[in-house]
Amino acid sequence: MLQFTLQKLAIDAAASFDRNSDPKVVSDTLLEIIFGGLAADPLLDDLEKSDAMCAAREVVADWPSPIDTSSEDDARARIIAAARREFSLRGYNATTIRNIAEAAGVRMATLYRRIESKEEILSDVLRGFSDHFDRAVRAALLTGDSELANVDALAYVFVHARRRFREESDIVAFDWHDREPIEDPIAEYHRGTVQRLRLLEEVMDRGMRKGVIRDLAPAEQISSYLRHILWVPYQDYHRTSELKAQQFLRRILIRGFLDR
């Protein structure tokens, strides 16, 4: 799984990281996080029982199960489901209304009687995901007084979100780069992402000042790198389970792959 992670980060690097960043600094810091971990002291309490993990688990447990629309009679529901798949495969901007109609098996006239615009479809697709994800992230980052436990709980949230909301997370990953701050559902989601990153930066900064998190780079930079590590689709690696992905992330993010 380590090789898979490094490959994904390398492949996505050009689009994922600030173009003004020094590639060597980016790679060195990422490798230091992955191989050395964030913990200043590798001797930690049981993270499974942390307040942050308990809070994150409680919120994730309330996420709704995926809705099976394969035999859905409601044309609007089939259109939304088809759009979700198309957006995740092509990206929102590259997907046309005709693509959605063909994928849903409906005529264009039928689609327009039920949907006013492509933007409305995207809003429907992202609304539930964004709300559920945001609550879980906040539970992980704002609960308890252990910054490393916050990071561990955040990894738990990302692992489960990447599997439960696979298509939605692919959509926002597709359209994250080079977006103008316009009023549309993707831009709204991105504003939420910026707010969540600020919370993570506060956790990183506090942990570094307390001496429990290694001072590898400024909190803003570490938080950005951490976000990219968390968004790797670990479930694509030989159908890795949530538990194995979570254990892997705990190892690399807290103690480091070399397990000091």
C-alpha atoms as a PDB file:
ATOM      1  CA  MET A   1       0.000   0.000   0.000  1.00  0.00           C
ATOM      2  CA  LEU A   2       2.963   2.325   0.566  1.00  0.00           C
ATOM      3  CA  GLN A   3       3.985   2.044  -3.087  1.00  0.00           C
ATOM      4  CA  PHE A   4       0.396   2.704  -4.172  1.00  0.00           C
ATOM      5  CA  THR A   5       0.272   5.831  -2.006  1.00  0.00           C
ATOM      6  CA  LEU A   6       3.547   7.220  -3.325  1.00  0.00           C
ATOM      7  CA  GLN A   7       2.521   6.527  -6.923  1.00  0.00           C
ATOM      8  CA  LYS A   8      -0.826   8.309  -6.507  1.00  0.00           C
ATOM      9  CA  LEU A   9       0.801  11.325  -4.878  1.00  0.00           C
ATOM     10  CA  ALA A  10       3.440  11.481  -7.627  1.00  0.00           C
ATOM     11  CA  ILE A  11       0.888  11.171 -10.432  1.00  0.00           C
ATOM     12  CA  ASP A  12      -1.376  13.848  -8.977  1.00  0.00           C
ATOM     13  CA  ALA A  13       1.398  16.199  -7.856  1.00  0.00           C
ATOM     14  CA  ALA A  14       1.324  18.531 -10.859  1.00  0.00           C
ATOM     15  CA  ALA A  15      -2.371  19.275 -10.395  1.00  0.00           C
ATOM     16  CA  SER A  16      -2.570  18.949  -6.623  1.00  0.00           C
ATOM     17  CA  PHE A  17       0.100  21.253  -5.270  1.00  0.00           C
ATOM     18  CA  ASP A  18       0.734  24.969  -5.602  1.00  0.00           C
ATOM     19  CA  ARG A  19       2.551  25.636  -8.868  1.00  0.00           C
ATOM     20  CA  ASN A  20       4.861  28.048  -7.067  1.00  0.00           C
ATOM     21  CA  SER A  21       5.998  25.377  -4.613  1.00  0.00           C
ATOM     22  CA  ASP A  22       9.505  23.969  -4.845  1.00  0.00           C
ATOM     23  CA  PRO A  23       9.048  20.337  -6.020  1.00  0.00           C
ATOM     24  CA  LYS A  24      11.945  19.195  -3.835  1.00  0.00           C
ATOM     25  CA  VAL A  25      10.453  20.804  -0.738  1.00  0.00           C
ATOM     26  CA  VAL A  26       7.077  19.215  -1.488  1.00  0.00           C
ATOM     27  CA  SER A  27       8.529  15.740  -2.010  1.00  0.00           C
ATOM     28  CA  ASP A  28      10.904  15.953   0.966  1.00  0.00           C
ATOM     29  CA  THR A  29       8.121  17.053   3.322  1.00  0.00           C
ATOM     30  CA  LEU A  30       5.669  14.435   2.083  1.00  0.00           C
ATOM     31  CA  LEU A  31       8.267  11.704   2.523  1.00  0.00           C
ATOM     32  CA  GLU A  32       9.159  12.988   5.987  1.00  0.00           C
ATOM     33  CA  ILE A  33       5.486  12.814   7.007  1.00  0.00           C
ATOM     34  CA  ILE A  34       4.959   9.351   5.530  1.00  0.00           C
ATOM     35  CA  PHE A  35       8.178   7.722   6.722  1.00  0.00           C
ATOM     36  CA  GLY A  36       8.730   9.637   9.965  1.00  0.00           C
ATOM     37  CA  GLY A  37       5.184  10.452  11.044  1.00  0.00           C
ATOM     38  CA  LEU A  38       3.813  13.553  12.724  1.00  0.00           C
ATOM     39  CA  ALA A  39       4.210  12.460  16.351  1.00  0.00           C
ATOM     40  CA  ALA A  40       7.099  14.018  18.249  1.00  0.00           C
ATOM     41  CA  ASP A  41       6.824  11.155  20.748  1.00  0.00           C
ATOM     42  CA  PRO A  42       5.910   7.771  19.218  1.00  0.00           C
ATOM     43  CA  LEU A  43       4.684   6.480  22.599  1.00  0.00           C
ATOM     44  CA  LEU A  44       0.974   7.287  22.423  1.00  0.00           C
ATOM     45  CA  ASP A  45      -2.220   6.493  24.260  1.00  0.00           C
ATOM     46  CA  ASP A  46      -4.780   4.167  22.680  1.00  0.00           C
ATOM     47  CA  LEU A  47      -6.101   6.207  19.755  1.00  0.00           C
ATOM     48  CA  GLU A  48      -9.024   3.836  19.220  1.00  0.00           C
ATOM     49  CA  LYS A  49     -10.599   5.091  22.438  1.00  0.00           C
ATOM     50  CA  SER A  50      -9.863   8.788  22.011  1.00  0.00           C
ATOM     51  CA  ASP A  51     -12.657  11.338  22.391  1.00  0.00           C
ATOM     52  CA  ALA A  52     -12.069  12.510  18.816  1.00  0.00           C
ATOM     53  CA  MET A  53     -12.392   8.990  17.409  1.00  0.00           C
ATOM     54  CA  CYS A  54     -15.581   8.321  19.388  1.00  0.00           C
ATOM     55  CA  ALA A  55     -17.095  11.575  18.116  1.00  0.00           C
ATOM     56  CA  ALA A  56     -16.110  10.830  14.510  1.00  0.00           C
ATOM     57  CA  ARG A  57     -17.505   7.301  14.697  1.00  0.00           C
ATOM     58  CA  GLU A  58     -20.806   8.569  16.047  1.00  0.00           C
ATOM     59  CA  VAL A  59     -21.269  10.996  13.149  1.00  0.00           C
ATOM     60  CA  VAL A  60     -20.142   8.527  10.461  1.00  0.00           C
ATOM     61  CA  ALA A  61     -22.544   5.913  11.855  1.00  0.00           C
ATOM     62  CA  ASP A  62     -25.406   8.291  11.036  1.00  0.00           C
ATOM     63  CA  TRP A  63     -24.464   8.570   7.360  1.00  0.00           C
ATOM     64  CA  PRO A  64     -27.231   7.138   5.165  1.00  0.00           C
ATOM     65  CA  SER A  65     -26.663   3.935   3.210  1.00  0.00           C
ATOM     66  CA  PRO A  66     -26.218   4.248  -0.576  1.00  0.00           C
ATOM     67  CA  ILE A  67     -29.519   4.354  -2.445  1.00  0.00           C
ATOM     68  CA  ASP A  68     -30.016   1.678  -5.085  1.00  0.00           C
ATOM     69  CA  THR A  69     -31.484   3.394  -8.161  1.00  0.00           C
ATOM     70  CA  SER A  70     -31.008   0.508 -10.594  1.00  0.00           C
ATOM     71  CA  SER A  71     -34.732  -0.220 -10.624  1.00  0.00           C
ATOM     72  CA  GLU A  72     -35.912   3.267  -9.681  1.00  0.00           C
ATOM     73  CA  ASP A  73     -39.180   4.221 -11.394  1.00  0.00           C
ATOM     74  CA  ASP A  74     -38.768   7.903 -10.591  1.00  0.00           C
ATOM     75  CA  ALA A  75     -37.158   9.480 -13.660  1.00  0.00           C
ATOM     76  CA  ARG A  76     -35.674  12.347 -11.637  1.00  0.00           C
ATOM     77  CA  ALA A  77     -33.937   9.932  -9.268  1.00  0.00           C
ATOM     78  CA  ARG A  78     -32.478   8.032 -12.243  1.00  0.00           C
ATOM     79  CA  ILE A  79     -31.294  11.293 -13.776  1.00  0.00           C
ATOM     80  CA  ILE A  80     -29.560  12.362 -10.548  1.00  0.00           C
ATOM     81  CA  ALA A  81     -27.919   8.931 -10.165  1.00  0.00           C
ATOM     82  CA  ALA A  82     -26.743   8.957 -13.796  1.00  0.00           C
ATOM     83  CA  ALA A  83     -25.381  12.487 -13.419  1.00  0.00           C
ATOM     84  CA  ARG A  84     -23.470  11.469 -10.302  1.00  0.00           C
ATOM     85  CA  ARG A  85     -21.756   8.687 -12.256  1.00  0.00           C
ATOM     86  CA  GLU A  86     -21.010  10.890 -15.270  1.00  0.00           C
ATOM     87  CA  PHE A  87     -19.644  13.761 -13.178  1.00  0.00           C
ATOM     88  CA  SER A  88     -17.359  11.348 -11.309  1.00  0.00           C
ATOM     89  CA  LEU A  89     -16.032   9.870 -14.563  1.00  0.00           C
ATOM     90  CA  ARG A  90     -15.736  13.010 -16.720  1.00  0.00           C
ATOM     91  CA  GLY A  91     -15.735  15.922 -14.297  1.00  0.00           C
ATOM     92  CA  TYR A  92     -18.577  18.412 -13.996  1.00  0.00           C
ATOM     93  CA  ASN A  93     -17.375  20.824 -16.691  1.00  0.00           C
ATOM     94  CA  ALA A  94     -16.771  18.077 -19.257  1.00  0.00           C
ATOM     95  CA  THR A  95     -20.180  16.449 -18.766  1.00  0.00           C
ATOM     96  CA  THR A  96     -23.028  17.600 -20.991  1.00  0.00           C
ATOM     97  CA  ILE A  97     -26.758  17.399 -20.413  1.00  0.00           C
ATOM     98  CA  ARG A  98     -26.891  14.975 -23.343  1.00  0.00           C
ATOM     99  CA  ASN A  99     -24.327  12.723 -21.600  1.00  0.00           C
ATOM    100  CA  ILE A 100     -26.585  12.636 -18.552  1.00  0.00           C
ATOM    101  CA  ALA A 101     -29.756  11.947 -20.535  1.00  0.00           C
ATOM    102  CA  GLU A 102     -28.117   9.075 -22.421  1.00  0.00           C
ATOM    103  CA  ALA A 103     -26.702   7.576 -19.209  1.00  0.00           C
ATOM    104  CA  ALA A 104     -30.109   7.819 -17.522  1.00  0.00           C
ATOM    105  CA  GLY A 105     -31.902   6.343 -20.539  1.00  0.00           C
ATOM    106  CA  VAL A 106     -34.300   9.269 -20.892  1.00  0.00           C
ATOM    107  CA  ARG A 107     -35.102  11.738 -23.658  1.00  0.00           C
ATOM    108  CA  MET A 108     -33.797  15.283 -23.435  1.00  0.00           C
ATOM    109  CA  ALA A 109     -37.363  16.566 -23.133  1.00  0.00           C
ATOM    110  CA  THR A 110     -37.990  14.229 -20.201  1.00  0.00           C
ATOM    111  CA  LEU A 111     -34.834  15.452 -18.484  1.00  0.00           C
ATOM    112  CA  TYR A 112     -35.723  19.133 -18.900  1.00  0.00           C
ATOM    113  CA  ARG A 113     -39.219  18.561 -17.507  1.00  0.00           C
ATOM    114  CA  ARG A 114     -37.638  17.353 -14.271  1.00  0.00           C
ATOM    115  CA  ILE A 115     -34.363  19.275 -14.093  1.00  0.00           C
ATOM    116  CA  GLU A 116     -33.853  22.975 -14.779  1.00  0.00           C
ATOM    117  CA  SER A 117     -30.085  22.948 -15.240  1.00  0.00           C
ATOM    118  CA  LYS A 118     -26.877  20.970 -14.883  1.00  0.00           C
ATOM    119  CA  GLU A 119     -26.014  23.178 -11.922  1.00  0.00           C
ATOM    120  CA  GLU A 120     -29.218  22.113 -10.158  1.00  0.00           C
ATOM    121  CA  ILE A 121     -28.265  18.460 -10.657  1.00  0.00           C
ATOM    122  CA  LEU A 122     -24.799  19.017  -9.187  1.00  0.00           C
ATOM    123  CA  SER A 123     -26.297  20.851  -6.236  1.00  0.00           C
ATOM    124  CA  ASP A 124     -28.551  17.857  -5.523  1.00  0.00           C
ATOM    125  CA  VAL A 125     -25.617  15.456  -5.836  1.00  0.00           C
ATOM    126  CA  LEU A 126     -23.278  17.371  -3.530  1.00  0.00           C
ATOM    127  CA  ARG A 127     -25.648  18.739  -0.902  1.00  0.00           C
ATOM    128  CA  GLY A 128     -25.981  15.610   1.212  1.00  0.00           C
ATOM    129  CA  PHE A 129     -22.333  14.627   0.845  1.00  0.00           C
ATOM    130  CA  SER A 130     -21.058  18.059   1.827  1.00  0.00           C
ATOM    131  CA  ASP A 131     -23.242  18.290   4.928  1.00  0.00           C
ATOM    132  CA  HIS A 132     -22.434  14.781   6.189  1.00  0.00           C
ATOM    133  CA  PHE A 133     -18.713  15.139   5.480  1.00  0.00           C
ATOM    134  CA  ASP A 134     -18.462  18.563   7.096  1.00  0.00           C
ATOM    135  CA  ARG A 135     -20.099  17.404  10.327  1.00  0.00           C
ATOM    136  CA  ALA A 136     -17.773  14.401  10.551  1.00  0.00           C
ATOM    137  CA  VAL A 137     -14.630  16.456   9.912  1.00  0.00           C
ATOM    138  CA  ARG A 138     -15.631  18.994  12.551  1.00  0.00           C
ATOM    139  CA  ALA A 139     -16.349  16.228  15.048  1.00  0.00           C
ATOM    140  CA  ALA A 140     -12.874  14.783  14.436  1.00  0.00           C
ATOM    141  CA  LEU A 141     -11.023  18.095  14.677  1.00  0.00           C
ATOM    142  CA  LEU A 142     -12.950  19.893  17.414  1.00  0.00           C
ATOM    143  CA  THR A 143     -13.323  17.091  19.975  1.00  0.00           C
ATOM    144  CA  GLY A 144     -10.847  16.338  22.758  1.00  0.00           C
ATOM    145  CA  ASP A 145      -7.480  17.903  23.570  1.00  0.00           C
ATOM    146  CA  SER A 146      -5.101  15.556  21.701  1.00  0.00           C
ATOM    147  CA  GLU A 147      -3.988  16.908  18.347  1.00  0.00           C
ATOM    148  CA  LEU A 148      -2.651  13.532  17.209  1.00  0.00           C
ATOM    149  CA  ALA A 149      -5.983  11.930  18.115  1.00  0.00           C
ATOM    150  CA  ASN A 150      -7.662  14.619  16.000  1.00  0.00           C
ATOM    151  CA  VAL A 151      -5.488  13.664  13.015  1.00  0.00           C
ATOM    152  CA  ASP A 152      -6.182   9.975  13.571  1.00  0.00           C
ATOM    153  CA  ALA A 153      -9.946  10.573  13.753  1.00  0.00           C
ATOM    154  CA  LEU A 154      -9.766  12.738  10.635  1.00  0.00           C
ATOM    155  CA  ALA A 155      -8.127   9.852   8.765  1.00  0.00           C
ATOM    156  CA  TYR A 156     -11.015   7.623   9.879  1.00  0.00           C
ATOM    157  CA  VAL A 157     -13.507  10.114   8.415  1.00  0.00           C
ATOM    158  CA  PHE A 158     -11.682  10.372   5.078  1.00  0.00           C
ATOM    159  CA  VAL A 159     -11.347   6.606   4.682  1.00  0.00           C
ATOM    160  CA  HIS A 160     -15.066   6.084   5.208  1.00  0.00           C
ATOM    161  CA  ALA A 161     -16.075   9.098   3.102  1.00  0.00           C
ATOM    162  CA  ARG A 162     -13.937   7.905   0.185  1.00  0.00           C
ATOM    163  CA  ARG A 163     -15.817   4.591   0.148  1.00  0.00           C
ATOM    164  CA  ARG A 164     -19.339   5.666   1.144  1.00  0.00           C
ATOM    165  CA  PHE A 165     -19.338   8.773  -1.077  1.00  0.00           C
ATOM    166  CA  ARG A 166     -16.986   7.493  -3.777  1.00  0.00           C
ATOM    167  CA  GLU A 167     -18.601   9.243  -6.721  1.00  0.00           C
ATOM    168  CA  GLU A 168     -19.152  12.514  -4.869  1.00  0.00           C
ATOM    169  CA  SER A 169     -15.538  12.622  -3.673  1.00  0.00           C
ATOM    170  CA  ASP A 170     -14.323  11.918  -7.216  1.00  0.00           C
ATOM    171  CA  ILE A 171     -16.447  14.813  -8.491  1.00  0.00           C
ATOM    172  CA  VAL A 172     -14.972  17.365  -6.117  1.00  0.00           C
ATOM    173  CA  ALA A 173     -11.453  16.011  -6.712  1.00  0.00           C
ATOM    174  CA  PHE A 174     -11.947  16.350 -10.486  1.00  0.00           C
ATOM    175  CA  ASP A 175     -13.033  19.982 -10.285  1.00  0.00           C
ATOM    176  CA  TRP A 176     -10.865  21.217  -7.421  1.00  0.00           C
ATOM    177  CA  HIS A 177      -8.143  22.718  -9.575  1.00  0.00           C
ATOM    178  CA  ASP A 178      -8.264  26.045 -11.414  1.00  0.00           C
ATOM    179  CA  ARG A 179     -11.767  26.970 -10.318  1.00  0.00           C
ATOM    180  CA  GLU A 180     -12.824  30.589 -10.265  1.00  0.00           C
ATOM    181  CA  PRO A 181     -14.699  31.656  -7.101  1.00  0.00           C
ATOM    182  CA  ILE A 182     -18.072  31.768  -8.842  1.00  0.00           C
ATOM    183  CA  GLU A 183     -21.458  30.955  -7.357  1.00  0.00           C
ATOM    184  CA  ASP A 184     -21.994  27.292  -8.133  1.00  0.00           C
ATOM    185  CA  PRO A 185     -22.168  24.075  -6.067  1.00  0.00           C
ATOM    186  CA  ILE A 186     -18.504  23.187  -6.607  1.00  0.00           C
ATOM    187  CA  ALA A 187     -17.392  26.647  -5.496  1.00  0.00           C
ATOM    188  CA  GLU A 188     -19.653  26.361  -2.448  1.00  0.00           C
ATOM    189  CA  TYR A 189     -18.084  23.015  -1.551  1.00  0.00           C
ATOM    190  CA  HIS A 190     -14.618  24.518  -1.990  1.00  0.00           C
ATOM    191  CA  ARG A 191     -15.428  27.315   0.430  1.00  0.00           C
ATOM    192  CA  GLY A 192     -16.339  24.642   2.959  1.00  0.00           C
ATOM    193  CA  THR A 193     -13.037  22.895   2.210  1.00  0.00           C
ATOM    194  CA  VAL A 194     -11.129  26.107   2.932  1.00  0.00           C
ATOM    195  CA  GLN A 195     -12.911  26.410   6.285  1.00  0.00           C
ATOM    196  CA  ARG A 196     -12.099  22.796   7.153  1.00  0.00           C
ATOM    197  CA  LEU A 197      -8.459  23.341   6.181  1.00  0.00           C
ATOM    198  CA  ARG A 198      -8.317  26.323   8.531  1.00  0.00           C
ATOM    199  CA  LEU A 199      -9.518  24.081  11.371  1.00  0.00           C
ATOM    200  CA  LEU A 200      -6.826  21.531  10.514  1.00  0.00           C
ATOM    201  CA  GLU A 201      -4.199  24.286  10.413  1.00  0.00           C
ATOM    202  CA  GLU A 202      -5.246  25.345  13.915  1.00  0.00           C
ATOM    203  CA  VAL A 203      -4.847  21.759  15.130  1.00  0.00           C
ATOM    204  CA  MET A 204      -1.412  21.447  13.485  1.00  0.00           C
ATOM    205  CA  ASP A 205      -0.231  24.798  14.820  1.00  0.00           C
ATOM    206  CA  ARG A 206      -1.431  24.017  18.342  1.00  0.00           C
ATOM    207  CA  GLY A 207       0.181  20.582  18.262  1.00  0.00           C
ATOM    208  CA  MET A 208       3.516  21.985  17.089  1.00  0.00           C
ATOM    209  CA  ARG A 209       3.484  24.694  19.755  1.00  0.00           C
ATOM    210  CA  LYS A 210       2.771  22.060  22.424  1.00  0.00           C
ATOM    211  CA  GLY A 211       5.582  19.889  21.065  1.00  0.00           C
ATOM    212  CA  VAL A 212       3.412  16.848  20.314  1.00  0.00           C
ATOM    213  CA  ILE A 213       3.570  17.311  16.522  1.00  0.00           C
ATOM    214  CA  ARG A 214       6.913  17.555  14.748  1.00  0.00           C
ATOM    215  CA  ASP A 215       7.668  20.984  13.316  1.00  0.00           C
ATOM    216  CA  LEU A 216       8.307  19.856   9.735  1.00  0.00           C
ATOM    217  CA  ALA A 217       6.890  22.921   7.966  1.00  0.00           C
ATOM    218  CA  PRO A 218       4.410  25.739   8.589  1.00  0.00           C
ATOM    219  CA  ALA A 219       0.973  24.530   9.722  1.00  0.00           C
ATOM    220  CA  GLU A 220      -0.661  25.719   6.496  1.00  0.00           C
ATOM    221  CA  GLN A 221       1.758  23.707   4.376  1.00  0.00           C
ATOM    222  CA  ILE A 222       1.548  20.554   6.517  1.00  0.00           C
ATOM    223  CA  SER A 223      -2.263  20.704   6.457  1.00  0.00           C
ATOM    224  CA  SER A 224      -2.330  20.923   2.677  1.00  0.00           C
ATOM    225  CA  TYR A 225       0.007  17.928   2.327  1.00  0.00           C
ATOM    226  CA  LEU A 226      -1.983  15.976   4.883  1.00  0.00           C
ATOM    227  CA  ARG A 227      -5.178  16.616   2.941  1.00  0.00           C
ATOM    228  CA  HIS A 228      -3.661  15.143  -0.232  1.00  0.00           C
ATOM    229  CA  ILE A 229      -2.473  12.045   1.625  1.00  0.00           C
ATOM    230  CA  LEU A 230      -5.942  11.550   3.091  1.00  0.00           C
ATOM    231  CA  TRP A 231      -7.701  11.848  -0.284  1.00  0.00           C
ATOM    232  CA  VAL A 232      -5.729   8.966  -1.850  1.00  0.00           C
ATOM    233  CA  PRO A 233      -8.328   6.314  -2.876  1.00  0.00           C
ATOM    234  CA  TYR A 234      -6.939   3.542  -0.681  1.00  0.00           C
ATOM    235  CA  GLN A 235      -9.946   1.345  -1.427  1.00  0.00           C
ATOM    236  CA  ASP A 236      -8.636   0.976  -4.996  1.00  0.00           C
ATOM    237  CA  TYR A 237      -5.606  -0.934  -3.748  1.00  0.00           C
ATOM    238  CA  HIS A 238      -6.713  -4.560  -4.034  1.00  0.00           C
ATOM    239  CA  ARG A 239     -10.114  -3.578  -2.571  1.00  0.00           C
ATOM    240  CA  THR A 240      -8.534  -2.587   0.704  1.00  0.00           C
ATOM    241  CA  SER A 241     -11.033  -2.511   3.588  1.00  0.00           C
ATOM    242  CA  GLU A 242     -11.737   0.589   5.650  1.00  0.00           C
ATOM    243  CA  LEU A 243      -9.986  -1.022   8.623  1.00  0.00           C
ATOM    244  CA  LYS A 244      -6.766  -1.761   6.714  1.00  0.00           C
ATOM    245  CA  ALA A 245      -6.732   1.713   5.171  1.00  0.00           C
ATOM    246  CA  GLN A 246      -7.279   3.302   8.559  1.00  0.00           C
ATOM    247  CA  GLN A 247      -4.508   1.226  10.149  1.00  0.00           C
ATOM    248  CA  PHE A 248      -2.136   2.146   7.321  1.00  0.00           C
ATOM    249  CA  LEU A 249      -2.896   5.861   7.698  1.00  0.00           C
ATOM    250  CA  ARG A 250      -2.478   5.660  11.459  1.00  0.00           C
ATOM    251  CA  ARG A 251       0.930   4.091  10.959  1.00  0.00           C
ATOM    252  CA  ILE A 252       2.265   6.577   8.416  1.00  0.00           C
ATOM    253  CA  LEU A 253       0.685   9.741   9.820  1.00  0.00           C
ATOM    254  CA  ILE A 254       1.297   9.180  13.515  1.00  0.00           C
ATOM    255  CA  ARG A 255       4.429   7.043  13.946  1.00  0.00           C
ATOM    256  CA  GLY A 256       5.648   6.945  10.360  1.00  0.00           C
ATOM    257  CA  PHE A 257       6.090   3.958   8.063  1.00  0.00           C
ATOM    258  CA  LEU A 258       9.510   3.313   9.594  1.00  0.00           C
ATOM    259  CA  ASP A 259       7.724   3.157  12.985  1.00  0.00           C
ATOM    260  CA  ARG A 260      10.233   4.952  15.200  1.00  0.00           C
END
